C-alpha cells in the first residue's frame, strides 16, 4: 500500500504549497522511492480551462490533454516525469460526478450528502494515482478555513483513519510574517492556522514556515510547543534565489529524514548531485541575456509560468542567466520597450485585447533581425503580420478576432465550427509533428519526428499556405494526419521560428526543451557574439 502525504496551507494563499510538494517529491525520489503528486482544487469549475489567467495563472496541459492547475508543471519539472488527467481534480468535477450518478439512480434512493458521498468520491480520486507509487503527495488547494476546502480536508482526515497513521502524513505550510515596526517574526498566525486545522480533526506532523527572514531556533521552538510538533519537524522555507534550490534547503534541515521516519519508509542513499549542479549553474551563470516576453497578462507572472521556467532552462543549456523583460502589448510605445532585447517571445493567449500590439512586436523582430520565438497564438500572430506586411494582404487576420476579414489566414477547422461549449473542446494534448529536413526546427530538435502538447482552437488556413511559403514564410513542421501547419520559420533571418503548440510544457531543468535552448543560443549570439560564454557539459544539452 502506498503512503500518503497531504500538504495543506494556512493564513494566506500563494505561500508555495506547490513548490513545497514538488520539492518534497524531488527529495523522496532522490532517496530511490517512486513518487507521484496530486493537486486538489476546491473551486466549482470543472477544470481551469475557461478561467481568466488573472484569476488562476496559466493553464497547464498534460500529455493526455487535461487542462490543469499550474502546480502540475512544478511536479513535472521537479520529478522529471509526466503527469496525467488523474493528477488534478476540482470540486466541480467531484460534484459533477456525484450528480450524474444520482441522476442514473446509482445511490438507490439514498439522500446524497457531502459526507459520505462527496468525501468518498474524493478518496476514490486520491487512490486513482497510486499505481506503481511508493508515496503519493496530495496538495489541497486553498487555505484552511475556506468553506470550499472542507470536503477535501475531511477526506484527508478520513484517510488517516482508514489507512492508519503510519501510512498518512500531514504537512502544513503557513506564514510567519515579519512585522517591520516591531522588527520581529510573529508566530500567532501559524498558531491560529494550526488550531483551525485541529478543529477539522487534523494534527499536522510537519510545519513548513514561509518567511522573508530566517526563522530562528527560538521561533521554531515556540511554534513546536504551541502546535504540538517536535522542533525538528518545524521547517524553514525562506525566500530562495531560485525555486530549484528549495529541495536542497529542505534537505539540509532533514525534511526527507523526518518523512521517512514518520512513514516508516526504507530508502536508499541520497542522489542529488545532478540537481545540485543545476542549482549551481543557475546561481553562477557565465553571462546574461535579455528576452522580451510580449503578452497581455504581464501583471501576473504566473500567467506565463511555464514559459518563464522554459526560458530559464534554455539559459541552463547555454550557461547564461535569462533576464525576462515583460512587455505589455497594449503599451503605446511598444517598440521602445523592445530596443534592448536580445530575443523576443510572443506567448499564447485568447481574445482580441493587445493583438495589434503583438503584430507590431513581430514586425519589429522580423525587420530588426532580432531572434523571435512565437508560441501558439504567437505563431498565428507571426502569420498575420507576414500576410499583412510582406504579402500586402491588407486586413489579413484571424477569424477569432475579425470574423469578416477578407483574408482569413488563421481560421477554425470545420469540426470546430459546430462546437458551442468552451470547456475542453480545443485541440488538446500531445500530437505528432513531422519536421522538414534541413530546417531550423530540424537543427534545433535533431529529429524529424516529435510530439508536442497543444491547447488551441484556430489553425493556419491551408488556403493561404502556398502563398505564404512562396513569399518566404516556410512551414517546417506539419501534423501529417490532418495536414495542419505546426511550425513556421523565416530562412533569411538569424532565428525566426513560431510553433502552434506549447513546447514550454515539456521543458525541465534536467532536460531543457531544444527549441528554447536554440532560441536562447541565438539571443546569446546577438548579445555576446564571438565572446559568448562556453556551453555547459553535454549532460545539460537537451535530450
Protein backbone atom coordinates (compact mmCIF):
# COMPACT_ATOMS: atom_id res chain seq x y z
CA UNK A 1 0.00 0.00 0.00
CA UNK A 2 1.42 3.43 -0.89
CA UNK A 3 1.94 6.13 1.71
CA UNK A 4 0.02 9.42 1.50
CA UNK A 5 1.39 12.88 2.32
CA UNK A 6 -1.22 15.65 2.50
CA UNK A 7 0.04 19.21 2.01
CA UNK A 8 -2.27 21.96 3.29
CA UNK A 9 -1.89 25.72 3.55
CA UNK A 10 -2.83 28.34 6.10
CA UNK A 11 -3.06 32.10 6.75
CA UNK A 12 -2.87 33.29 3.11
CA UNK A 13 -2.86 31.81 -0.38
CA UNK A 14 0.16 31.72 -2.73
CA UNK A 15 2.51 30.54 0.02
CA UNK A 16 4.12 27.96 -2.23
CA UNK A 17 2.33 24.71 -1.40
CA UNK A 18 3.04 23.53 -4.95
CA UNK A 19 6.77 24.20 -4.66
CA UNK A 20 6.77 22.55 -1.21
CA UNK A 21 5.02 19.44 -2.58
CA UNK A 22 7.27 19.29 -5.65
CA UNK A 23 10.44 19.81 -3.58
CA UNK A 24 9.49 17.06 -1.15
CA UNK A 25 8.73 14.81 -4.11
CA UNK A 26 12.19 15.53 -5.54
CA UNK A 27 13.84 14.65 -2.22
CA UNK A 28 11.97 11.36 -1.89
CA UNK A 29 12.74 10.45 -5.49
CA UNK A 30 16.42 11.11 -4.74
CA UNK A 31 16.08 8.50 -1.97
CA UNK A 32 15.06 5.86 -4.50
CA UNK A 33 11.29 5.99 -3.95
CA UNK A 34 8.61 6.06 -6.65
CA UNK A 35 6.69 9.28 -6.06
CA UNK A 36 3.71 10.94 -7.71
CA UNK A 37 1.73 14.10 -6.93
CA UNK A 38 -1.93 15.07 -6.96
CA UNK A 39 -3.46 18.56 -6.84
CA UNK A 40 -6.99 19.11 -5.48
CA UNK A 41 -8.60 22.44 -6.38
CA UNK A 42 -11.64 23.44 -4.29
CA UNK A 43 -13.35 25.69 -6.86
CA UNK A 44 -16.56 24.64 -8.64
CA UNK A 45 -15.17 24.96 -12.18
CA UNK A 46 -14.81 21.51 -13.73
CA UNK A 47 -11.29 22.48 -14.77
CA UNK A 48 -9.37 25.77 -15.12
CA UNK A 49 -9.69 25.81 -18.93
CA UNK A 50 -12.23 28.63 -19.10
CA UNK A 51 -10.75 30.72 -16.28
CA UNK A 52 -9.08 34.09 -16.75
CA UNK A 53 -5.27 33.89 -16.27
CA UNK A 54 -5.52 36.84 -13.86
CA UNK A 55 -7.80 34.69 -11.69
CA UNK A 56 -5.86 31.44 -11.92
CA UNK A 57 -2.49 31.84 -13.62
CA UNK A 58 -1.56 29.65 -16.54
CA UNK A 59 -3.46 26.53 -17.52
CA UNK A 60 -1.01 23.63 -17.69
CA UNK A 61 -1.74 20.92 -20.28
CA UNK A 62 -0.76 17.28 -19.77
CA UNK A 63 0.26 14.73 -22.42
CA UNK A 64 -3.24 13.22 -22.37
CA UNK A 65 -4.89 16.59 -22.96
CA UNK A 66 -6.11 17.60 -19.50
CA UNK A 67 -6.32 21.32 -18.70
CA UNK A 68 -4.92 21.50 -15.19
CA UNK A 69 -3.57 23.68 -12.43
CA UNK A 70 -0.13 25.23 -12.95
CA UNK A 71 1.24 23.25 -9.98
CA UNK A 72 1.30 20.18 -12.24
CA UNK A 73 4.01 21.98 -14.16
CA UNK A 74 6.06 22.19 -10.95
CA UNK A 75 5.50 18.46 -10.37
CA UNK A 76 6.69 17.59 -13.88
CA UNK A 77 9.73 19.85 -13.73
CA UNK A 78 10.88 18.71 -10.27
CA UNK A 79 10.13 15.00 -10.73
CA UNK A 80 11.09 14.91 -14.44
CA UNK A 81 8.04 12.77 -15.20
CA UNK A 82 4.69 13.26 -16.93
CA UNK A 83 1.50 13.99 -15.02
CA UNK A 84 -1.91 12.97 -16.38
CA UNK A 85 -5.58 13.93 -16.01
CA UNK A 86 -5.88 11.90 -12.78
CA UNK A 87 -3.21 14.07 -11.13
CA UNK A 88 -5.57 17.06 -10.83
CA UNK A 89 -9.25 17.35 -9.99
CA UNK A 90 -11.60 20.07 -8.79
CA UNK A 91 -14.62 20.29 -6.54
CA UNK A 92 -16.63 20.93 -9.69
CA UNK A 93 -15.51 17.63 -11.18
CA UNK A 94 -16.36 15.78 -7.95
CA UNK A 95 -19.85 17.32 -7.67
CA UNK A 96 -20.49 16.74 -11.38
CA UNK A 97 -19.65 13.03 -10.97
CA UNK A 98 -21.89 12.63 -7.91
CA UNK A 99 -24.83 14.44 -9.52
CA UNK A 100 -24.54 12.31 -12.68
CA UNK A 101 -24.54 9.15 -10.53
CA UNK A 102 -27.59 10.39 -8.62
CA UNK A 103 -29.44 11.06 -11.88
CA UNK A 104 -28.68 7.49 -13.02
CA UNK A 105 -30.10 6.14 -9.74
CA UNK A 106 -26.80 4.66 -8.58
CA UNK A 107 -27.41 5.66 -4.94
CA UNK A 108 -30.58 3.53 -4.76
CA UNK A 109 -32.77 6.30 -3.39
CA UNK A 110 -30.37 7.38 -0.62
CA UNK A 111 -30.10 11.00 0.43
CA UNK A 112 -26.92 12.24 -1.24
CA UNK A 113 -24.73 14.23 1.17
CA UNK A 114 -21.28 15.76 1.43
CA UNK A 115 -20.41 13.04 3.95
CA UNK A 116 -20.13 10.26 2.89
CA UNK A 117 -20.81 10.67 -0.85
CA UNK A 118 -18.66 13.67 -1.76
CA UNK A 119 -15.83 12.64 0.57
CA UNK A 120 -15.93 9.05 -0.73
CA UNK A 121 -15.57 10.32 -4.30
CA UNK A 122 -12.62 12.48 -3.24
CA UNK A 123 -10.94 9.48 -1.58
CA UNK A 124 -11.55 7.39 -4.70
CA UNK A 125 -9.68 10.03 -6.69
CA UNK A 126 -6.84 10.01 -4.15
CA UNK A 127 -6.45 6.29 -4.86
CA UNK A 128 -6.57 6.61 -8.66
CA UNK A 129 -2.95 7.79 -8.77
CA UNK A 130 -1.46 5.10 -6.52
CA UNK A 131 -0.48 2.55 -9.20
CA UNK A 132 3.27 1.94 -9.04
CA UNK A 133 3.83 4.64 -6.40
CA UNK A 134 5.52 4.24 -3.03
CA UNK A 135 4.39 7.72 -1.99
CA UNK A 136 1.52 9.94 -3.17
CA UNK A 137 1.81 13.63 -2.29
CA UNK A 138 -1.63 15.28 -2.25
CA UNK A 139 -1.69 19.07 -2.35
CA UNK A 140 -5.01 20.52 -1.20
CA UNK A 141 -5.61 23.93 -2.74
CA UNK A 142 -6.94 26.95 -0.94
CA UNK A 143 -6.43 27.89 2.69
CA UNK A 144 -7.52 26.14 5.88
CA UNK A 145 -10.73 27.85 6.98
CA UNK A 146 -12.10 28.27 3.45
CA UNK A 147 -15.55 26.69 3.18
CA UNK A 148 -14.69 25.27 -0.24
CA UNK A 149 -11.76 23.23 1.11
CA UNK A 150 -13.67 21.50 3.92
CA UNK A 151 -14.73 18.35 2.00
CA UNK A 152 -11.14 17.77 0.84
CA UNK A 153 -9.74 18.22 4.34
CA UNK A 154 -12.41 15.90 5.73
CA UNK A 155 -11.47 13.29 3.12
CA UNK A 156 -7.80 13.69 4.09
CA UNK A 157 -8.73 13.22 7.77
CA UNK A 158 -10.67 10.06 6.94
CA UNK A 159 -7.69 8.68 5.00
CA UNK A 160 -5.65 8.83 8.22
CA UNK A 161 -8.26 6.67 9.95
CA UNK A 162 -8.69 4.20 7.10
CA UNK A 163 -5.06 3.78 6.03
CA UNK A 164 -3.55 4.19 9.51
CA UNK A 165 -1.33 6.99 10.79
CA UNK A 166 1.84 5.12 9.73
CA UNK A 167 0.58 5.45 6.17
CA UNK A 168 -0.58 9.09 6.21
CA UNK A 169 1.37 12.23 6.99
CA UNK A 170 0.16 15.83 7.17
CA UNK A 171 2.39 18.77 6.16
CA UNK A 172 1.05 22.26 6.85
CA UNK A 173 2.54 25.27 5.03
CA UNK A 174 1.96 28.50 6.91
CA UNK A 175 3.10 32.13 7.02
CA UNK A 176 5.41 33.54 9.68
CA UNK A 177 5.17 37.26 8.87
CA UNK A 178 7.84 39.83 9.67
CA UNK A 179 6.37 42.91 11.33
CA UNK A 180 8.66 45.74 10.32
CA UNK A 181 7.57 48.15 13.08
CA UNK A 182 8.34 45.58 15.77
CA UNK A 183 11.28 44.13 13.80
CA UNK A 184 10.32 40.57 14.60
CA UNK A 185 8.70 37.47 13.16
CA UNK A 186 5.25 36.65 14.53
CA UNK A 187 4.06 33.10 15.21
CA UNK A 188 0.44 33.85 16.10
CA UNK A 189 -0.91 33.43 12.50
CA UNK A 190 0.69 29.99 12.39
CA UNK A 191 -0.78 29.06 15.77
CA UNK A 192 -4.27 30.10 14.64
CA UNK A 193 -3.90 28.27 11.34
CA UNK A 194 -2.84 25.04 13.02
CA UNK A 195 -5.66 25.50 15.55
CA UNK A 196 -8.15 25.71 12.69
CA UNK A 197 -6.71 22.54 11.19
CA UNK A 198 -7.06 20.74 14.51
CA UNK A 199 -10.73 21.78 14.72
CA UNK A 200 -11.22 19.89 11.47
CA UNK A 201 -9.56 16.85 13.04
CA UNK A 202 -6.08 17.01 11.52
CA UNK A 203 -2.94 17.37 13.64
CA UNK A 204 -0.05 18.35 11.35
CA UNK A 205 3.10 16.23 11.61
CA UNK A 206 5.37 18.78 9.94
CA UNK A 207 5.02 22.57 9.74
CA UNK A 208 6.73 24.44 6.89
CA UNK A 209 7.20 28.10 7.77
CA UNK A 210 7.21 30.59 4.91
CA UNK A 211 9.07 33.72 5.91
CA UNK A 212 11.01 36.52 4.27
CA UNK A 213 13.59 36.39 7.08
CA UNK A 214 15.43 33.42 8.66
CA UNK A 215 13.37 31.66 11.32
CA UNK A 216 15.47 31.43 14.48
CA UNK A 217 15.74 28.39 16.73
CA UNK A 218 13.72 30.21 19.40
CA UNK A 219 10.87 30.91 16.96
CA UNK A 220 10.88 27.28 15.82
CA UNK A 221 10.79 26.08 19.42
CA UNK A 222 7.82 28.34 20.12
CA UNK A 223 5.92 27.05 17.07
CA UNK A 224 6.74 23.46 18.05
CA UNK A 225 5.43 24.00 21.59
CA UNK A 226 2.19 25.72 20.64
CA UNK A 227 1.45 23.46 17.66
CA UNK A 228 2.38 20.11 19.27
CA UNK A 229 5.14 19.03 16.88
CA UNK A 230 8.80 18.20 17.57
CA UNK A 231 11.26 21.08 16.99
CA UNK A 232 12.93 19.17 14.17
CA UNK A 233 9.54 18.99 12.40
CA UNK A 234 9.39 22.80 12.08
CA UNK A 235 10.98 23.53 8.70
CA UNK A 236 12.04 26.96 7.49
CA UNK A 237 11.06 27.96 3.95
CA UNK A 238 12.63 31.38 3.50
CA UNK A 239 12.60 33.07 0.10
CA UNK A 240 15.16 31.38 -2.19
CA UNK A 241 17.09 32.83 -5.13
CA UNK A 242 15.62 30.09 -7.36
CA UNK A 243 12.76 27.66 -6.76
CA UNK A 244 15.08 24.80 -7.73
CA UNK A 245 17.13 25.46 -4.60
CA UNK A 246 14.19 24.69 -2.29
CA UNK A 247 14.72 20.88 -2.23
CA UNK A 248 18.33 21.44 -1.18
CA UNK A 249 17.30 23.87 1.57
CA UNK A 250 14.73 21.34 2.85
CA UNK A 251 17.28 18.53 2.70
CA UNK A 252 19.74 20.49 4.85
CA UNK A 253 17.04 20.73 7.52
CA UNK A 254 16.32 16.99 7.38
CA UNK A 255 12.82 17.15 5.91
CA UNK A 256 13.28 13.91 3.99
CA UNK A 257 14.59 12.16 7.11
CA UNK A 258 11.55 13.31 9.08
CA UNK A 259 9.18 11.99 6.42
CA UNK A 260 10.95 8.62 6.14
CA UNK A 261 10.88 8.19 9.92
CA UNK A 262 7.23 9.16 10.37
CA UNK A 263 6.04 6.96 7.49
CA UNK A 264 8.38 4.10 8.44
CA UNK A 265 9.88 4.03 4.96
CA UNK A 266 13.14 2.41 3.97
CA UNK A 267 15.13 4.27 1.35
CA UNK A 268 18.50 4.25 -0.38
CA UNK A 269 21.20 6.90 -0.15
CA UNK A 270 20.52 10.40 -1.38
CA UNK A 271 21.26 11.20 -5.07
CA UNK A 272 21.08 14.96 -5.56
CA UNK A 273 24.37 15.55 -7.39
CA UNK A 274 22.79 16.45 -10.73
CA UNK A 275 20.22 18.67 -9.05
CA UNK A 276 22.93 20.48 -7.08
CA UNK A 277 24.84 21.09 -10.32
CA UNK A 278 21.73 22.58 -11.94
CA UNK A 279 21.27 24.95 -8.99
CA UNK A 280 24.94 25.89 -9.17
CA UNK A 281 24.63 26.78 -12.85
CA UNK A 282 21.53 28.87 -12.18
CA UNK A 283 23.20 30.80 -9.36
CA UNK A 284 26.55 31.28 -11.11
CA UNK A 285 25.93 31.87 -14.84
CA UNK A 286 28.73 32.91 -17.20
CA UNK A 287 26.74 35.72 -18.83
CA UNK A 288 23.28 37.25 -19.16
CA UNK A 289 20.82 37.85 -21.99
CA UNK A 290 17.56 39.79 -22.05
CA UNK A 291 14.43 38.26 -23.54
CA UNK A 292 11.35 40.42 -24.07
CA UNK A 293 8.19 38.44 -23.31
CA UNK A 294 5.43 40.40 -25.06
CA UNK A 295 1.98 39.46 -23.78
CA UNK A 296 -1.18 40.89 -22.27
CA UNK A 297 -1.18 39.17 -18.86
CA UNK A 298 2.17 40.61 -17.82
CA UNK A 299 0.89 41.98 -14.49
CA UNK A 300 0.60 38.41 -13.22
CA UNK A 301 3.79 36.47 -13.92
CA UNK A 302 2.08 33.13 -13.10
CA UNK A 303 0.08 33.55 -16.32
CA UNK A 304 3.30 32.64 -18.16
CA UNK A 305 4.85 30.36 -15.52
CA UNK A 306 5.93 27.52 -17.82
CA UNK A 307 7.31 29.96 -20.40
CA UNK A 308 9.31 31.69 -17.67
CA UNK A 309 10.76 28.37 -16.48
CA UNK A 310 11.46 27.08 -20.02
CA UNK A 311 13.45 30.25 -20.77
CA UNK A 312 15.46 29.65 -17.59
CA UNK A 313 16.11 26.09 -18.75
CA UNK A 314 17.24 27.45 -22.12
CA UNK A 315 19.69 29.58 -20.17
CA UNK A 316 20.93 26.45 -18.36
CA UNK A 317 21.66 24.82 -21.70
CA UNK A 318 23.77 27.85 -22.68
CA UNK A 319 25.43 28.70 -19.36
CA UNK A 320 23.66 32.07 -19.12
CA UNK A 321 21.06 33.78 -16.97
CA UNK A 322 17.94 34.77 -18.90
CA UNK A 323 16.60 38.10 -17.74
CA UNK A 324 12.94 38.30 -18.75
CA UNK A 325 11.58 41.74 -19.59
CA UNK A 326 7.77 41.60 -19.54
CA UNK A 327 6.25 43.89 -22.16
CA UNK A 328 2.54 44.76 -22.18
CA UNK A 329 1.37 44.59 -25.79
CA UNK A 330 -1.13 47.37 -25.11
CA UNK A 331 1.69 49.86 -24.42
CA UNK A 332 1.67 52.73 -26.96
CA UNK A 333 5.49 52.91 -27.07
CA UNK A 334 5.99 49.18 -27.51
CA UNK A 335 8.89 49.46 -29.98
CA UNK A 336 10.92 51.48 -27.45
CA UNK A 337 10.33 48.76 -24.84
CA UNK A 338 11.84 46.16 -27.20
CA UNK A 339 15.03 48.00 -28.16
CA UNK A 340 17.34 46.39 -25.59
CA UNK A 341 16.08 42.83 -26.10
CA UNK A 342 18.44 40.14 -27.38
CA UNK A 343 15.43 37.96 -28.20
CA UNK A 344 11.65 38.46 -28.40
CA UNK A 345 8.98 35.91 -27.47
CA UNK A 346 5.22 36.17 -28.07
CA UNK A 347 3.34 33.58 -25.95
CA UNK A 348 -0.14 32.09 -26.24
CA UNK A 349 -3.40 33.72 -25.24
CA UNK A 350 -7.06 34.23 -26.10
CA UNK A 351 -9.20 37.24 -27.01
CA UNK A 352 -8.52 40.32 -29.12
CA UNK A 353 -7.07 42.57 -26.41
CA UNK A 354 -3.48 43.51 -27.27
CA UNK A 355 -3.49 41.75 -30.66
CA UNK A 356 -2.44 44.77 -32.74
CA UNK A 357 0.42 45.36 -30.31
CA UNK A 358 1.57 41.77 -30.76
CA UNK A 359 1.55 42.25 -34.53
CA UNK A 360 3.82 45.27 -34.09
CA UNK A 361 6.12 43.20 -31.87
CA UNK A 362 6.53 40.53 -34.56
CA UNK A 363 7.14 43.18 -37.22
CA UNK A 364 9.82 44.76 -35.04
CA UNK A 365 11.59 41.41 -34.52
CA UNK A 366 11.37 40.48 -38.21
CA UNK A 367 12.59 43.80 -39.58
CA UNK A 368 15.28 44.39 -36.93
CA UNK A 369 16.61 40.80 -37.33
CA UNK A 370 16.13 40.05 -33.62
CA UNK A 371 15.73 36.35 -32.66
CA UNK A 372 11.97 35.69 -32.44
CA UNK A 373 10.02 32.81 -30.93
CA UNK A 374 6.22 32.55 -31.23
CA UNK A 375 4.15 30.13 -29.14
CA UNK A 376 0.62 29.06 -30.15
CA UNK A 377 -1.11 32.42 -30.64
CA UNK A 378 2.40 33.75 -31.25
CA UNK A 379 2.59 31.63 -34.40
CA UNK A 380 -0.80 32.88 -35.56
CA UNK A 381 0.29 36.48 -34.97
CA UNK A 382 3.52 35.86 -36.93
CA UNK A 383 1.43 34.56 -39.84
CA UNK A 384 -0.93 37.56 -39.72
CA UNK A 385 1.99 40.01 -39.59
CA UNK A 386 3.70 38.36 -42.56
CA UNK A 387 0.48 38.31 -44.58
CA UNK A 388 -0.17 42.00 -43.92
CA UNK A 389 3.31 43.46 -44.25
CA UNK A 390 5.08 41.15 -46.71
CA UNK A 391 2.24 39.79 -48.84
CA UNK A 392 0.42 43.14 -48.54
CA UNK A 393 -2.92 41.43 -47.80
CA UNK A 394 -4.49 44.44 -46.12
CA UNK A 395 -6.65 43.48 -43.16
CA UNK A 396 -5.42 39.88 -43.05
CA UNK A 397 -6.45 38.43 -39.71
CA UNK A 398 -7.74 35.50 -37.70
CA UNK A 399 -11.47 34.89 -37.75
CA UNK A 400 -11.21 34.71 -33.95
CA UNK A 401 -10.68 38.48 -33.94
CA UNK A 402 -12.31 39.52 -37.23
CA UNK A 403 -14.93 37.03 -38.45
CA UNK A 404 -15.47 39.06 -41.65
CA UNK A 405 -11.82 39.50 -42.65
CA UNK A 406 -11.18 39.30 -46.40
CA UNK A 407 -8.01 37.29 -45.80
CA UNK A 408 -8.63 34.72 -43.02
CA UNK A 409 -5.06 33.40 -42.80
CA UNK A 410 -5.99 31.88 -39.42
CA UNK A 411 -9.33 30.10 -39.21
CA UNK A 412 -11.33 27.39 -37.47
CA UNK A 413 -11.36 23.81 -38.70
CA UNK A 414 -14.82 22.71 -39.94
CA UNK A 415 -15.39 20.43 -36.92
CA UNK A 416 -14.69 23.34 -34.53
CA UNK A 417 -17.45 25.44 -36.10
CA UNK A 418 -20.11 23.11 -34.68
CA UNK A 419 -18.89 23.34 -31.07
CA UNK A 420 -20.93 25.52 -28.70
CA UNK A 421 -19.38 24.71 -25.31
CA UNK A 422 -15.98 26.19 -24.45
CA UNK A 423 -14.61 23.77 -21.85
CA UNK A 424 -12.19 21.07 -23.07
CA UNK A 425 -13.23 21.47 -26.73
CA UNK A 426 -9.93 22.63 -28.23
CA UNK A 427 -7.13 20.62 -29.80
CA UNK A 428 -5.61 19.47 -26.52
CA UNK A 429 -2.71 17.27 -25.52
CA UNK A 430 0.06 15.56 -27.43
CA UNK A 431 0.08 15.43 -31.25
CA UNK A 432 2.83 14.27 -33.66
CA UNK A 433 4.75 16.74 -35.82
CA UNK A 434 6.81 15.83 -38.89
CA UNK A 435 9.73 18.24 -39.42
CA UNK A 436 11.36 19.23 -42.72
CA UNK A 437 14.94 18.09 -43.11
CA UNK A 438 17.47 20.92 -43.00
CA UNK A 439 15.07 23.40 -41.41
CA UNK A 440 15.86 25.49 -38.33
CA UNK A 441 13.42 23.30 -36.40
CA UNK A 442 15.30 20.18 -37.55
CA UNK A 443 18.64 21.63 -36.43
CA UNK A 444 17.19 22.54 -33.04
CA UNK A 445 15.45 19.22 -32.39
CA UNK A 446 17.99 16.96 -34.07
CA UNK A 447 14.98 14.89 -35.12
CA UNK A 448 12.46 14.67 -37.95
CA UNK A 449 9.53 13.48 -35.84
CA UNK A 450 8.46 14.91 -32.47
CA UNK A 451 5.34 15.10 -30.33
CA UNK A 452 4.24 18.30 -28.59
CA UNK A 453 1.33 19.47 -26.44
CA UNK A 454 -1.43 21.68 -27.84
CA UNK A 455 -4.10 23.98 -26.48
CA UNK A 456 -5.80 25.98 -29.21
CA UNK A 457 -8.83 26.12 -31.46
CA UNK A 458 -7.70 28.07 -34.55
CA UNK A 459 -5.24 26.89 -37.22
CA UNK A 460 -3.20 28.29 -40.11
CA UNK A 461 -5.57 28.33 -43.10
CA UNK A 462 -4.16 25.95 -45.73
CA UNK A 463 -5.78 28.03 -48.50
CA UNK A 464 -3.04 30.62 -47.90
CA UNK A 465 -0.20 28.20 -47.21
CA UNK A 466 1.41 28.16 -50.67
CA UNK A 467 1.17 31.94 -50.93
CA UNK A 468 2.91 32.34 -47.57
CA UNK A 469 5.63 29.80 -48.39
CA UNK A 470 6.34 31.29 -51.82
CA UNK A 471 6.92 34.65 -50.11
CA UNK A 472 9.33 33.17 -47.54
CA UNK A 473 7.33 32.04 -44.51
CA UNK A 474 8.15 28.34 -44.63
CA UNK A 475 6.03 25.65 -42.97
CA UNK A 476 8.73 23.41 -41.50
CA UNK A 477 6.57 21.27 -39.24
CA UNK A 478 3.27 19.55 -40.06
CA UNK A 479 0.77 17.36 -38.31
CA UNK A 480 0.54 14.81 -41.13
CA UNK A 481 -2.77 13.09 -40.23
CA UNK A 482 -4.68 16.39 -40.57
CA UNK A 483 -2.18 18.27 -42.76
CA UNK A 484 -2.03 21.12 -40.24
CA UNK A 485 0.85 23.58 -40.05
CA UNK A 486 2.68 23.22 -36.74
CA UNK A 487 5.89 25.24 -37.27
CA UNK A 488 6.69 28.24 -39.45
CA UNK A 489 10.07 29.91 -39.88
CA UNK A 490 11.96 32.51 -41.90
CA UNK A 491 15.25 31.49 -43.52
CA UNK A 492 16.60 34.98 -44.25
CA UNK A 493 16.66 35.80 -40.54
CA UNK A 494 19.11 34.95 -37.71
CA UNK A 495 16.45 32.99 -35.81
CA UNK A 496 12.72 33.32 -36.50
CA UNK A 497 10.53 30.38 -35.58
CA UNK A 498 6.93 30.06 -34.38
CA UNK A 499 5.02 26.97 -33.31
CA UNK A 500 1.33 26.15 -32.98
CA UNK A 501 1.97 24.02 -29.89
CA UNK A 502 3.26 24.74 -26.37
CA UNK A 503 6.86 23.47 -26.03
CA UNK A 504 7.17 25.16 -22.65
CA UNK A 505 5.06 22.40 -21.08
CA UNK A 506 7.73 19.78 -21.85
CA UNK A 507 10.81 21.70 -20.68
CA UNK A 508 12.57 20.65 -17.48
CA UNK A 509 15.70 21.80 -15.67
CA UNK A 510 17.42 18.47 -16.27
CA UNK A 511 16.18 18.37 -19.89
CA UNK A 512 15.78 21.87 -21.37
CA UNK A 513 13.47 21.95 -24.38
CA UNK A 514 15.56 22.05 -27.59
CA UNK A 515 13.62 24.96 -29.11
CA UNK A 516 14.11 27.12 -26.02
CA UNK A 517 17.79 26.12 -25.87
CA UNK A 518 18.23 27.07 -29.54
CA UNK A 519 16.32 30.35 -29.13
CA UNK A 520 18.42 31.39 -26.12
CA UNK A 521 21.55 30.36 -28.03
CA UNK A 522 20.57 32.81 -30.81
CA UNK A 523 19.98 35.52 -28.19
CA UNK A 524 23.40 34.82 -26.66
CA UNK A 525 25.00 35.14 -30.11
CA UNK A 526 23.27 38.50 -30.61
CA UNK A 527 24.30 39.73 -27.16
CA UNK A 528 27.88 38.44 -26.99
CA UNK A 529 28.91 37.35 -30.49
CA UNK A 530 32.35 35.73 -30.54
CA UNK A 531 32.73 36.44 -26.81
CA UNK A 532 29.87 34.14 -25.88
CA UNK A 533 30.46 32.01 -22.75
CA UNK A 534 31.40 28.32 -23.11
CA UNK A 535 28.45 25.96 -23.30
CA UNK A 536 27.89 23.53 -20.42
CA UNK A 537 28.76 19.85 -20.46
CA UNK A 538 26.83 17.53 -22.73
CA UNK A 539 24.64 16.28 -19.86
CA UNK A 540 22.83 19.63 -19.85
CA UNK A 541 22.24 19.75 -23.58
CA UNK A 542 18.56 18.90 -24.31
CA UNK A 543 17.91 15.19 -24.79
